[in-house]
Amino acid sequence: NLLDDFLLTYPVFMSTADLCQAILGHYYKRGKMKEEGRETLLRKRTVLHLSSQWILLCRDRLQDDEQTKLFMKTLSRYVLDDLYEYPSLEKELKELQKLLRMKRRQ
């Protein structure tokens, strides 16, 4: 799958810090034209799916990475802030929190 290929090879062309910033930037993307609520929700869900896949796929390599831990905590806070406006993000938030707990146990 193309997403898995990207997530496994990103270190060739960008740092983990750059990837974290890019993901957070897309989550809170502000365009010149106002997005519709549905488009915003879809974009946020896509970012959360990518983030979950990244953590699951690369967990061994990212296990002790402080940048990744900070990224996951920040993204979780962003999603918590958005729950009022987008209550359907609750499922994605639970998945992200589950991954955070898994990382802590390891």
PDB file of N, CA and C in Angstrom:
ATOM      1  N   ASN A   1       0.846  -1.166   0.000  1.00  0.00           N
ATOM      2  CA  ASN A   1       0.000   0.000   0.000  1.00  0.00           C
ATOM      3  C   ASN A   1       0.896   1.236   0.000  1.00  0.00           C
ATOM      4  N   LEU A   2       0.486   2.257  -0.719  1.00  0.00           N
ATOM      5  CA  LEU A   2       1.276   3.462  -0.913  1.00  0.00           C
ATOM      6  C   LEU A   2       1.559   4.182   0.405  1.00  0.00           C
ATOM      7  N   LEU A   3       0.578   4.245   1.291  1.00  0.00           N
ATOM      8  CA  LEU A   3       0.770   4.892   2.583  1.00  0.00           C
ATOM      9  C   LEU A   3       1.867   4.187   3.381  1.00  0.00           C
ATOM     10  N   ASP A   4       1.815   2.868   3.428  1.00  0.00           N
ATOM     11  CA  ASP A   4       2.845   2.112   4.142  1.00  0.00           C
ATOM     12  C   ASP A   4       4.226   2.360   3.538  1.00  0.00           C
ATOM     13  N   ASP A   5       4.310   2.388   2.208  1.00  0.00           N
ATOM     14  CA  ASP A   5       5.597   2.664   1.551  1.00  0.00           C
ATOM     15  C   ASP A   5       6.140   4.027   1.975  1.00  0.00           C
ATOM     16  N   PHE A   6       5.273   5.021   1.978  1.00  0.00           N
ATOM     17  CA  PHE A   6       5.704   6.355   2.394  1.00  0.00           C
ATOM     18  C   PHE A   6       6.185   6.349   3.853  1.00  0.00           C
ATOM     19  N   LEU A   7       5.398   5.738   4.718  1.00  0.00           N
ATOM     20  CA  LEU A   7       5.721   5.751   6.147  1.00  0.00           C
ATOM     21  C   LEU A   7       7.007   4.982   6.455  1.00  0.00           C
ATOM     22  N   LEU A   8       7.310   3.982   5.665  1.00  0.00           N
ATOM     23  CA  LEU A   8       8.540   3.219   5.877  1.00  0.00           C
ATOM     24  C   LEU A   8       9.771   3.910   5.293  1.00  0.00           C
ATOM     25  N   THR A   9       9.571   4.785   4.321  1.00  0.00           N
ATOM     26  CA  THR A   9      10.719   5.408   3.642  1.00  0.00           C
ATOM     27  C   THR A   9      10.887   6.901   3.908  1.00  0.00           C
ATOM     28  N   TYR A  10       9.985   7.526   4.656  1.00  0.00           N
ATOM     29  CA  TYR A  10      10.098   8.980   4.864  1.00  0.00           C
ATOM     30  C   TYR A  10      11.457   9.419   5.397  1.00  0.00           C
ATOM     31  N   PRO A  11      12.159   8.610   6.241  1.00  0.00           N
ATOM     32  CA  PRO A  11      13.450   9.084   6.749  1.00  0.00           C
ATOM     33  C   PRO A  11      14.490   9.358   5.656  1.00  0.00           C
ATOM     34  N   VAL A  12      14.272   8.834   4.461  1.00  0.00           N
ATOM     35  CA  VAL A  12      15.197   9.073   3.360  1.00  0.00           C
ATOM     36  C   VAL A  12      15.148  10.536   2.931  1.00  0.00           C
ATOM     37  N   PHE A  13      13.977  11.159   3.001  1.00  0.00           N
ATOM     38  CA  PHE A  13      13.840  12.519   2.488  1.00  0.00           C
ATOM     39  C   PHE A  13      13.346  13.548   3.492  1.00  0.00           C
ATOM     40  N   MET A  14      13.087  13.149   4.749  1.00  0.00           N
ATOM     41  CA  MET A  14      12.698  14.123   5.766  1.00  0.00           C
ATOM     42  C   MET A  14      12.942  13.554   7.162  1.00  0.00           C
ATOM     43  N   SER A  15      13.102  14.429   8.125  1.00  0.00           N
ATOM     44  CA  SER A  15      13.313  13.987   9.502  1.00  0.00           C
ATOM     45  C   SER A  15      11.967  13.688  10.164  1.00  0.00           C
ATOM     46  N   THR A  16      12.022  12.996  11.286  1.00  0.00           N
ATOM     47  CA  THR A  16      10.800  12.720  12.048  1.00  0.00           C
ATOM     48  C   THR A  16      10.168  14.025  12.514  1.00  0.00           C
ATOM     49  N   ALA A  17      10.993  14.980  12.930  1.00  0.00           N
ATOM     50  CA  ALA A  17      10.481  16.282  13.362  1.00  0.00           C
ATOM     51  C   ALA A  17       9.732  16.971  12.219  1.00  0.00           C
ATOM     52  N   ASP A  18      10.284  16.900  10.997  1.00  0.00           N
ATOM     53  CA  ASP A  18       9.613  17.502   9.836  1.00  0.00           C
ATOM     54  C   ASP A  18       8.283  16.814   9.548  1.00  0.00           C
ATOM     55  N   LEU A  19       8.259  15.478   9.656  1.00  0.00           N
ATOM     56  CA  LEU A  19       7.014  14.752   9.418  1.00  0.00           C
ATOM     57  C   LEU A  19       5.962  15.129  10.462  1.00  0.00           C
ATOM     58  N   CYS A  20       6.372  15.206  11.721  1.00  0.00           N
ATOM     59  CA  CYS A  20       5.432  15.590  12.787  1.00  0.00           C
ATOM     60  C   CYS A  20       4.843  16.973  12.517  1.00  0.00           C
ATOM     61  N   GLN A  21       5.695  17.922  12.146  1.00  0.00           N
ATOM     62  CA  GLN A  21       5.222  19.283  11.862  1.00  0.00           C
ATOM     63  C   GLN A  21       4.277  19.296  10.669  1.00  0.00           C
ATOM     64  N   ALA A  22       4.605  18.512   9.643  1.00  0.00           N
ATOM     65  CA  ALA A  22       3.750  18.461   8.456  1.00  0.00           C
ATOM     66  C   ALA A  22       2.374  17.884   8.795  1.00  0.00           C
ATOM     67  N   ILE A  23       2.363  16.830   9.582  1.00  0.00           N
ATOM     68  CA  ILE A  23       1.084  16.204   9.961  1.00  0.00           C
ATOM     69  C   ILE A  23       0.241  17.171  10.783  1.00  0.00           C
ATOM     70  N   LEU A  24       0.862  17.805  11.785  1.00  0.00           N
ATOM     71  CA  LEU A  24       0.120  18.773  12.605  1.00  0.00           C
ATOM     72  C   LEU A  24      -0.366  19.945  11.765  1.00  0.00           C
ATOM     73  N   GLY A  25       0.451  20.370  10.813  1.00  0.00           N
ATOM     74  CA  GLY A  25       0.060  21.462   9.920  1.00  0.00           C
ATOM     75  C   GLY A  25      -1.163  21.106   9.078  1.00  0.00           C
ATOM     76  N   HIS A  26      -1.222  19.876   8.609  1.00  0.00           N
ATOM     77  CA  HIS A  26      -2.376  19.446   7.820  1.00  0.00           C
ATOM     78  C   HIS A  26      -3.613  19.281   8.691  1.00  0.00           C
ATOM     79  N   TYR A  27      -3.419  18.881   9.937  1.00  0.00           N
ATOM     80  CA  TYR A  27      -4.577  18.738  10.819  1.00  0.00           C
ATOM     81  C   TYR A  27      -5.251  20.093  11.026  1.00  0.00           C
ATOM     82  N   TYR A  28      -4.439  21.126  11.224  1.00  0.00           N
ATOM     83  CA  TYR A  28      -4.996  22.468  11.458  1.00  0.00           C
ATOM     84  C   TYR A  28      -4.794  23.400  10.280  1.00  0.00           C
ATOM     85  N   LYS A  29      -4.866  22.859   9.097  1.00  0.00           N
ATOM     86  CA  LYS A  29      -4.679  23.625   7.872  1.00  0.00           C
ATOM     87  C   LYS A  29      -5.714  24.743   7.783  1.00  0.00           C
ATOM     88  N   ARG A  30      -5.226  25.911   7.495  1.00  0.00           N
ATOM     89  CA  ARG A  30      -6.115  27.062   7.288  1.00  0.00           C
ATOM     90  C   ARG A  30      -5.887  27.567   5.864  1.00  0.00           C
ATOM     91  N   GLY A  31      -6.873  27.388   5.033  1.00  0.00           N
ATOM     92  CA  GLY A  31      -6.758  27.829   3.648  1.00  0.00           C
ATOM     93  C   GLY A  31      -7.346  29.214   3.458  1.00  0.00           C
ATOM     94  N   LYS A  32      -7.130  29.756   2.274  1.00  0.00           N
ATOM     95  CA  LYS A  32      -7.702  31.063   1.968  1.00  0.00           C
ATOM     96  C   LYS A  32      -9.219  30.969   1.811  1.00  0.00           C
ATOM     97  N   MET A  33      -9.654  29.853   1.233  1.00  0.00           N
ATOM     98  CA  MET A  33     -11.096  29.653   1.068  1.00  0.00           C
ATOM     99  C   MET A  33     -11.602  28.818   2.242  1.00  0.00           C
ATOM    100  N   LYS A  34     -12.717  29.197   2.752  1.00  0.00           N
ATOM    101  CA  LYS A  34     -13.310  28.486   3.893  1.00  0.00           C
ATOM    102  C   LYS A  34     -13.749  27.087   3.461  1.00  0.00           C
ATOM    103  N   GLU A  35     -13.240  26.078   4.153  1.00  0.00           N
ATOM    104  CA  GLU A  35     -13.647  24.707   3.873  1.00  0.00           C
ATOM    105  C   GLU A  35     -15.030  24.454   4.461  1.00  0.00           C
ATOM    106  N   GLU A  36     -15.742  23.571   3.853  1.00  0.00           N
ATOM    107  CA  GLU A  36     -17.005  23.120   4.413  1.00  0.00           C
ATOM    108  C   GLU A  36     -16.700  22.219   5.604  1.00  0.00           C
ATOM    109  N   GLY A  37     -17.615  22.145   6.536  1.00  0.00           N
ATOM    110  CA  GLY A  37     -17.428  21.321   7.724  1.00  0.00           C
ATOM    111  C   GLY A  37     -17.137  19.869   7.393  1.00  0.00           C
ATOM    112  N   ARG A  38     -17.800  19.339   6.387  1.00  0.00           N
ATOM    113  CA  ARG A  38     -17.604  17.947   5.997  1.00  0.00           C
ATOM    114  C   ARG A  38     -16.194  17.727   5.449  1.00  0.00           C
ATOM    115  N   GLU A  39     -15.703  18.669   4.652  1.00  0.00           N
ATOM    116  CA  GLU A  39     -14.345  18.570   4.095  1.00  0.00           C
ATOM    117  C   GLU A  39     -13.301  18.658   5.209  1.00  0.00           C
ATOM    118  N   THR A  40     -13.534  19.524   6.162  1.00  0.00           N
ATOM    119  CA  THR A  40     -12.621  19.655   7.301  1.00  0.00           C
ATOM    120  C   THR A  40     -12.585  18.365   8.103  1.00  0.00           C
ATOM    121  N   LEU A  41     -13.742  17.809   8.363  1.00  0.00           N
ATOM    122  CA  LEU A  41     -13.816  16.558   9.107  1.00  0.00           C
ATOM    123  C   LEU A  41     -13.088  15.438   8.361  1.00  0.00           C
ATOM    124  N   LEU A  42     -13.271  15.348   7.072  1.00  0.00           N
ATOM    125  CA  LEU A  42     -12.602  14.326   6.271  1.00  0.00           C
ATOM    126  C   LEU A  42     -11.086  14.500   6.328  1.00  0.00           C
ATOM    127  N   ARG A  43     -10.611  15.736   6.214  1.00  0.00           N
ATOM    128  CA  ARG A  43      -9.176  16.006   6.285  1.00  0.00           C
ATOM    129  C   ARG A  43      -8.620  15.609   7.645  1.00  0.00           C
ATOM    130  N   LYS A  44      -9.309  15.960   8.711  1.00  0.00           N
ATOM    131  CA  LYS A  44      -8.859  15.627  10.055  1.00  0.00           C
ATOM    132  C   LYS A  44      -8.824  14.108  10.263  1.00  0.00           C
ATOM    133  N   ARG A  45      -9.841  13.434   9.774  1.00  0.00           N
ATOM    134  CA  ARG A  45      -9.865  11.964   9.877  1.00  0.00           C
ATOM    135  C   ARG A  45      -8.722  11.330   9.092  1.00  0.00           C
ATOM    136  N   THR A  46      -8.434  11.872   7.919  1.00  0.00           N
ATOM    137  CA  THR A  46      -7.341  11.358   7.102  1.00  0.00           C
ATOM    138  C   THR A  46      -6.013  11.526   7.827  1.00  0.00           C
ATOM    139  N   VAL A  47      -5.808  12.675   8.425  1.00  0.00           N
ATOM    140  CA  VAL A  47      -4.578  12.929   9.184  1.00  0.00           C
ATOM    141  C   VAL A  47      -4.478  11.967  10.365  1.00  0.00           C
ATOM    142  N   LEU A  48      -5.570  11.737  11.054  1.00  0.00           N
ATOM    143  CA  LEU A  48      -5.558  10.823  12.195  1.00  0.00           C
ATOM    144  C   LEU A  48      -5.307   9.380  11.756  1.00  0.00           C
ATOM    145  N   HIS A  49      -5.853   8.997  10.625  1.00  0.00           N
ATOM    146  CA  HIS A  49      -5.598   7.654  10.092  1.00  0.00           C
ATOM    147  C   HIS A  49      -4.113   7.498   9.739  1.00  0.00           C
ATOM    148  N   LEU A  50      -3.564   8.480   9.051  1.00  0.00           N
ATOM    149  CA  LEU A  50      -2.149   8.445   8.703  1.00  0.00           C
ATOM    150  C   LEU A  50      -1.289   8.343   9.960  1.00  0.00           C
ATOM    151  N   SER A  51      -1.607   9.121  10.971  1.00  0.00           N
ATOM    152  CA  SER A  51      -0.842   9.121  12.219  1.00  0.00           C
ATOM    153  C   SER A  51      -0.905   7.762  12.910  1.00  0.00           C
ATOM    154  N   SER A  52      -2.074   7.188  12.965  1.00  0.00           N
ATOM    155  CA  SER A  52      -2.231   5.867  13.591  1.00  0.00           C
ATOM    156  C   SER A  52      -1.443   4.810  12.829  1.00  0.00           C
ATOM    157  N   GLN A  53      -1.539   4.842  11.508  1.00  0.00           N
ATOM    158  CA  GLN A  53      -0.791   3.879  10.696  1.00  0.00           C
ATOM    159  C   GLN A  53       0.711   4.024  10.916  1.00  0.00           C
ATOM    160  N   TRP A  54       1.169   5.258  10.994  1.00  0.00           N
ATOM    161  CA  TRP A  54       2.589   5.522  11.190  1.00  0.00           C
ATOM    162  C   TRP A  54       3.074   4.934  12.510  1.00  0.00           C
ATOM    163  N   ILE A  55       2.338   5.180  13.564  1.00  0.00           N
ATOM    164  CA  ILE A  55       2.731   4.680  14.880  1.00  0.00           C
ATOM    165  C   ILE A  55       2.689   3.149  14.910  1.00  0.00           C
ATOM    166  N   LEU A  56       1.664   2.562  14.319  1.00  0.00           N
ATOM    167  CA  LEU A  56       1.562   1.099  14.299  1.00  0.00           C
ATOM    168  C   LEU A  56       2.667   0.461  13.456  1.00  0.00           C
ATOM    169  N   LEU A  57       2.928   1.039  12.312  1.00  0.00           N
ATOM    170  CA  LEU A  57       3.889   0.471  11.379  1.00  0.00           C
ATOM    171  C   LEU A  57       5.338   0.642  11.844  1.00  0.00           C
ATOM    172  N   CYS A  58       5.627   1.768  12.467  1.00  0.00           N
ATOM    173  CA  CYS A  58       7.010   2.097  12.820  1.00  0.00           C
ATOM    174  C   CYS A  58       7.251   2.120  14.324  1.00  0.00           C
ATOM    175  N   ARG A  59       6.408   1.458  15.089  1.00  0.00           N
ATOM    176  CA  ARG A  59       6.476   1.574  16.549  1.00  0.00           C
ATOM    177  C   ARG A  59       7.839   1.178  17.127  1.00  0.00           C
ATOM    178  N   ASP A  60       8.502   0.174  16.558  1.00  0.00           N
ATOM    179  CA  ASP A  60       9.807  -0.233  17.080  1.00  0.00           C
ATOM    180  C   ASP A  60      10.842   0.874  16.913  1.00  0.00           C
ATOM    181  N   ARG A  61      10.824   1.514  15.762  1.00  0.00           N
ATOM    182  CA  ARG A  61      11.783   2.578  15.478  1.00  0.00           C
ATOM    183  C   ARG A  61      11.464   3.849  16.274  1.00  0.00           C
ATOM    184  N   LEU A  62      10.192   4.085  16.562  1.00  0.00           N
ATOM    185  CA  LEU A  62       9.764   5.331  17.217  1.00  0.00           C
ATOM    186  C   LEU A  62       9.608   5.188  18.725  1.00  0.00           C
ATOM    187  N   GLN A  63       9.832   4.007  19.246  1.00  0.00           N
ATOM    188  CA  GLN A  63       9.525   3.701  20.642  1.00  0.00           C
ATOM    189  C   GLN A  63      10.124   4.700  21.625  1.00  0.00           C
ATOM    190  N   ASP A  64      11.380   5.057  21.474  1.00  0.00           N
ATOM    191  CA  ASP A  64      12.037   5.945  22.430  1.00  0.00           C
ATOM    192  C   ASP A  64      12.196   7.365  21.903  1.00  0.00           C
ATOM    193  N   ASP A  65      11.530   7.693  20.828  1.00  0.00           N
ATOM    194  CA  ASP A  65      11.683   9.005  20.204  1.00  0.00           C
ATOM    195  C   ASP A  65      10.826  10.044  20.924  1.00  0.00           C
ATOM    196  N   GLU A  66      11.469  11.000  21.558  1.00  0.00           N
ATOM    197  CA  GLU A  66      10.747  12.045  22.310  1.00  0.00           C
ATOM    198  C   GLU A  66       9.905  12.929  21.399  1.00  0.00           C
ATOM    199  N   GLN A  67      10.385  13.170  20.193  1.00  0.00           N
ATOM    200  CA  GLN A  67       9.638  13.993  19.232  1.00  0.00           C
ATOM    201  C   GLN A  67       8.280  13.348  18.919  1.00  0.00           C
ATOM    202  N   THR A  68       8.278  12.043  18.756  1.00  0.00           N
ATOM    203  CA  THR A  68       7.040  11.323  18.450  1.00  0.00           C
ATOM    204  C   THR A  68       6.087  11.348  19.637  1.00  0.00           C
ATOM    205  N   LYS A  69       6.618  11.191  20.838  1.00  0.00           N
ATOM    206  CA  LYS A  69       5.768  11.245  22.030  1.00  0.00           C
ATOM    207  C   LYS A  69       5.101  12.608  22.145  1.00  0.00           C
ATOM    208  N   LEU A  70       5.870  13.659  21.957  1.00  0.00           N
ATOM    209  CA  LEU A  70       5.324  15.014  22.022  1.00  0.00           C
ATOM    210  C   LEU A  70       4.289  15.230  20.915  1.00  0.00           C
ATOM    211  N   PHE A  71       4.588  14.727  19.717  1.00  0.00           N
ATOM    212  CA  PHE A  71       3.661  14.836  18.593  1.00  0.00           C
ATOM    213  C   PHE A  71       2.318  14.183  18.922  1.00  0.00           C
ATOM    214  N   MET A  72       2.366  12.967  19.456  1.00  0.00           N
ATOM    215  CA  MET A  72       1.127  12.247  19.763  1.00  0.00           C
ATOM    216  C   MET A  72       0.316  12.960  20.841  1.00  0.00           C
ATOM    217  N   LYS A  73       0.983  13.491  21.846  1.00  0.00           N
ATOM    218  CA  LYS A  73       0.280  14.224  22.897  1.00  0.00           C
ATOM    219  C   LYS A  73      -0.355  15.496  22.326  1.00  0.00           C
ATOM    220  N   THR A  74       0.381  16.196  21.477  1.00  0.00           N
ATOM    221  CA  THR A  74      -0.136  17.421  20.866  1.00  0.00           C
ATOM    222  C   THR A  74      -1.330  17.116  19.976  1.00  0.00           C
ATOM    223  N   LEU A  75      -1.212  16.092  19.150  1.00  0.00           N
ATOM    224  CA  LEU A  75      -2.318  15.729  18.269  1.00  0.00           C
ATOM    225  C   LEU A  75      -3.545  15.319  19.080  1.00  0.00           C
ATOM    226  N   SER A  76      -3.339  14.583  20.154  1.00  0.00           N
ATOM    227  CA  SER A  76      -4.463  14.194  21.022  1.00  0.00           C
ATOM    228  C   SER A  76      -5.155  15.421  21.598  1.00  0.00           C
ATOM    229  N   ARG A  77      -4.374  16.410  22.020  1.00  0.00           N
ATOM    230  CA  ARG A  77      -4.964  17.646  22.551  1.00  0.00           C
ATOM    231  C   ARG A  77      -5.763  18.373  21.476  1.00  0.00           C
ATOM    232  N   TYR A  78      -5.228  18.415  20.264  1.00  0.00           N
ATOM    233  CA  TYR A  78      -5.951  19.057  19.158  1.00  0.00           C
ATOM    234  C   TYR A  78      -7.295  18.378  18.918  1.00  0.00           C
ATOM    235  N   VAL A  79      -7.290  17.052  18.930  1.00  0.00           N
ATOM    236  CA  VAL A  79      -8.537  16.316  18.688  1.00  0.00           C
ATOM    237  C   VAL A  79      -9.519  16.555  19.835  1.00  0.00           C
ATOM    238  N   LEU A  80      -9.014  16.566  21.063  1.00  0.00           N
ATOM    239  CA  LEU A  80      -9.881  16.863  22.213  1.00  0.00           C
ATOM    240  C   LEU A  80     -10.536  18.230  22.063  1.00  0.00           C
ATOM    241  N   ASP A  81      -9.757  19.201  21.611  1.00  0.00           N
ATOM    242  CA  ASP A  81     -10.290  20.550  21.401  1.00  0.00           C
ATOM    243  C   ASP A  81     -11.370  20.566  20.322  1.00  0.00           C
ATOM    244  N   ASP A  82     -11.263  19.665  19.343  1.00  0.00           N
ATOM    245  CA  ASP A  82     -12.198  19.639  18.219  1.00  0.00           C
ATOM    246  C   ASP A  82     -13.450  18.799  18.475  1.00  0.00           C
ATOM    247  N   LEU A  83     -13.477  18.045  19.557  1.00  0.00           N
ATOM    248  CA  LEU A  83     -14.601  17.132  19.794  1.00  0.00           C
ATOM    249  C   LEU A  83     -15.946  17.846  19.876  1.00  0.00           C
ATOM    250  N   TYR A  84     -15.974  19.042  20.404  1.00  0.00           N
ATOM    251  CA  TYR A  84     -17.244  19.768  20.509  1.00  0.00           C
ATOM    252  C   TYR A  84     -17.806  20.058  19.116  1.00  0.00           C
ATOM    253  N   GLU A  85     -16.931  20.525  18.224  1.00  0.00           N
ATOM    254  CA  GLU A  85     -17.373  20.864  16.873  1.00  0.00           C
ATOM    255  C   GLU A  85     -17.539  19.623  15.988  1.00  0.00           C
ATOM    256  N   TYR A  86     -16.708  18.612  16.230  1.00  0.00           N
ATOM    257  CA  TYR A  86     -16.736  17.381  15.422  1.00  0.00           C
ATOM    258  C   TYR A  86     -16.818  16.168  16.347  1.00  0.00           C
ATOM    259  N   PRO A  87     -17.981  15.901  16.923  1.00  0.00           N
ATOM    260  CA  PRO A  87     -18.112  14.792  17.879  1.00  0.00           C
ATOM    261  C   PRO A  87     -17.811  13.417  17.273  1.00  0.00           C
ATOM    262  N   SER A  88     -17.902  13.301  15.966  1.00  0.00           N
ATOM    263  CA  SER A  88     -17.634  12.006  15.341  1.00  0.00           C
ATOM    264  C   SER A  88     -16.140  11.665  15.323  1.00  0.00           C
ATOM    265  N   LEU A  89     -15.285  12.572  15.774  1.00  0.00           N
ATOM    266  CA  LEU A  89     -13.845  12.282  15.887  1.00  0.00           C
ATOM    267  C   LEU A  89     -13.530  11.458  17.137  1.00  0.00           C
ATOM    268  N   GLU A  90     -14.534  11.167  17.923  1.00  0.00           N
ATOM    269  CA  GLU A  90     -14.301  10.445  19.180  1.00  0.00           C
ATOM    270  C   GLU A  90     -13.657   9.078  18.943  1.00  0.00           C
ATOM    271  N   LYS A  91     -14.093   8.394  17.909  1.00  0.00           N
ATOM    272  CA  LYS A  91     -13.524   7.072  17.596  1.00  0.00           C
ATOM    273  C   LYS A  91     -12.025   7.186  17.300  1.00  0.00           C
ATOM    274  N   GLU A  92     -11.638   8.170  16.500  1.00  0.00           N
ATOM    275  CA  GLU A  92     -10.235   8.375  16.162  1.00  0.00           C
ATOM    276  C   GLU A  92      -9.427   8.773  17.391  1.00  0.00           C
ATOM    277  N   LEU A  93     -10.040   9.571  18.273  1.00  0.00           N
ATOM    278  CA  LEU A  93      -9.361   9.965  19.501  1.00  0.00           C
ATOM    279  C   LEU A  93      -9.083   8.745  20.377  1.00  0.00           C
ATOM    280  N   LYS A  94     -10.060   7.870  20.496  1.00  0.00           N
ATOM    281  CA  LYS A  94      -9.863   6.660  21.308  1.00  0.00           C
ATOM    282  C   LYS A  94      -8.743   5.800  20.744  1.00  0.00           C
ATOM    283  N   GLU A  95      -8.670   5.689  19.434  1.00  0.00           N
ATOM    284  CA  GLU A  95      -7.596   4.919  18.791  1.00  0.00           C
ATOM    285  C   GLU A  95      -6.233   5.555  19.087  1.00  0.00           C
ATOM    286  N   LEU A  96      -6.167   6.857  18.987  1.00  0.00           N
ATOM    287  CA  LEU A  96      -4.917   7.565  19.263  1.00  0.00           C
ATOM    288  C   LEU A  96      -4.518   7.392  20.731  1.00  0.00           C
ATOM    289  N   GLN A  97      -5.470   7.486  21.632  1.00  0.00           N
ATOM    290  CA  GLN A  97      -5.174   7.302  23.057  1.00  0.00           C
ATOM    291  C   GLN A  97      -4.733   5.877  23.346  1.00  0.00           C
ATOM    292  N   LYS A  98      -5.328   4.909  22.651  1.00  0.00           N
ATOM    293  CA  LYS A  98      -4.918   3.516  22.805  1.00  0.00           C
ATOM    294  C   LYS A  98      -3.458   3.342  22.376  1.00  0.00           C
ATOM    295  N   LEU A  99      -3.082   3.990  21.284  1.00  0.00           N
ATOM    296  CA  LEU A  99      -1.694   3.916  20.818  1.00  0.00           C
ATOM    297  C   LEU A  99      -0.747   4.590  21.806  1.00  0.00           C
ATOM    298  N   LEU A 100      -1.192   5.682  22.396  1.00  0.00           N
ATOM    299  CA  LEU A 100      -0.373   6.368  23.414  1.00  0.00           C
ATOM    300  C   LEU A 100      -0.134   5.456  24.614  1.00  0.00           C
ATOM    301  N   ARG A 101      -1.192   4.770  25.061  1.00  0.00           N
ATOM    302  CA  ARG A 101      -1.052   3.854  26.186  1.00  0.00           C
ATOM    303  C   ARG A 101      -0.121   2.691  25.831  1.00  0.00           C
ATOM    304  N   MET A 102      -0.226   2.188  24.608  1.00  0.00           N
ATOM    305  CA  MET A 102       0.657   1.106  24.171  1.00  0.00           C
ATOM    306  C   MET A 102       2.112   1.544  24.202  1.00  0.00           C
ATOM    307  N   LYS A 103       2.367   2.764  23.753  1.00  0.00           N
ATOM    308  CA  LYS A 103       3.729   3.296  23.749  1.00  0.00           C
ATOM    309  C   LYS A 103       4.263   3.401  25.168  1.00  0.00           C
ATOM    310  N   ARG A 104       3.422   3.854  26.098  1.00  0.00           N
ATOM    311  CA  ARG A 104       3.858   3.999  27.489  1.00  0.00           C
ATOM    312  C   ARG A 104       4.214   2.651  28.103  1.00  0.00           C
ATOM    313  N   ARG A 105       3.405   1.633  27.811  1.00  0.00           N
ATOM    314  CA  ARG A 105       3.669   0.294  28.368  1.00  0.00           C
ATOM    315  C   ARG A 105       4.965  -0.295  27.862  1.00  0.00           C
ATOM    316  N   GLN A 106       5.303  -0.008  26.608  1.00  0.00           N
ATOM    317  CA  GLN A 106       6.537  -0.557  26.057  1.00  0.00           C
ATOM    318  C   GLN A 106       7.714   0.125  26.681  1.00  0.00           C
TER     319      GLN A 106
END
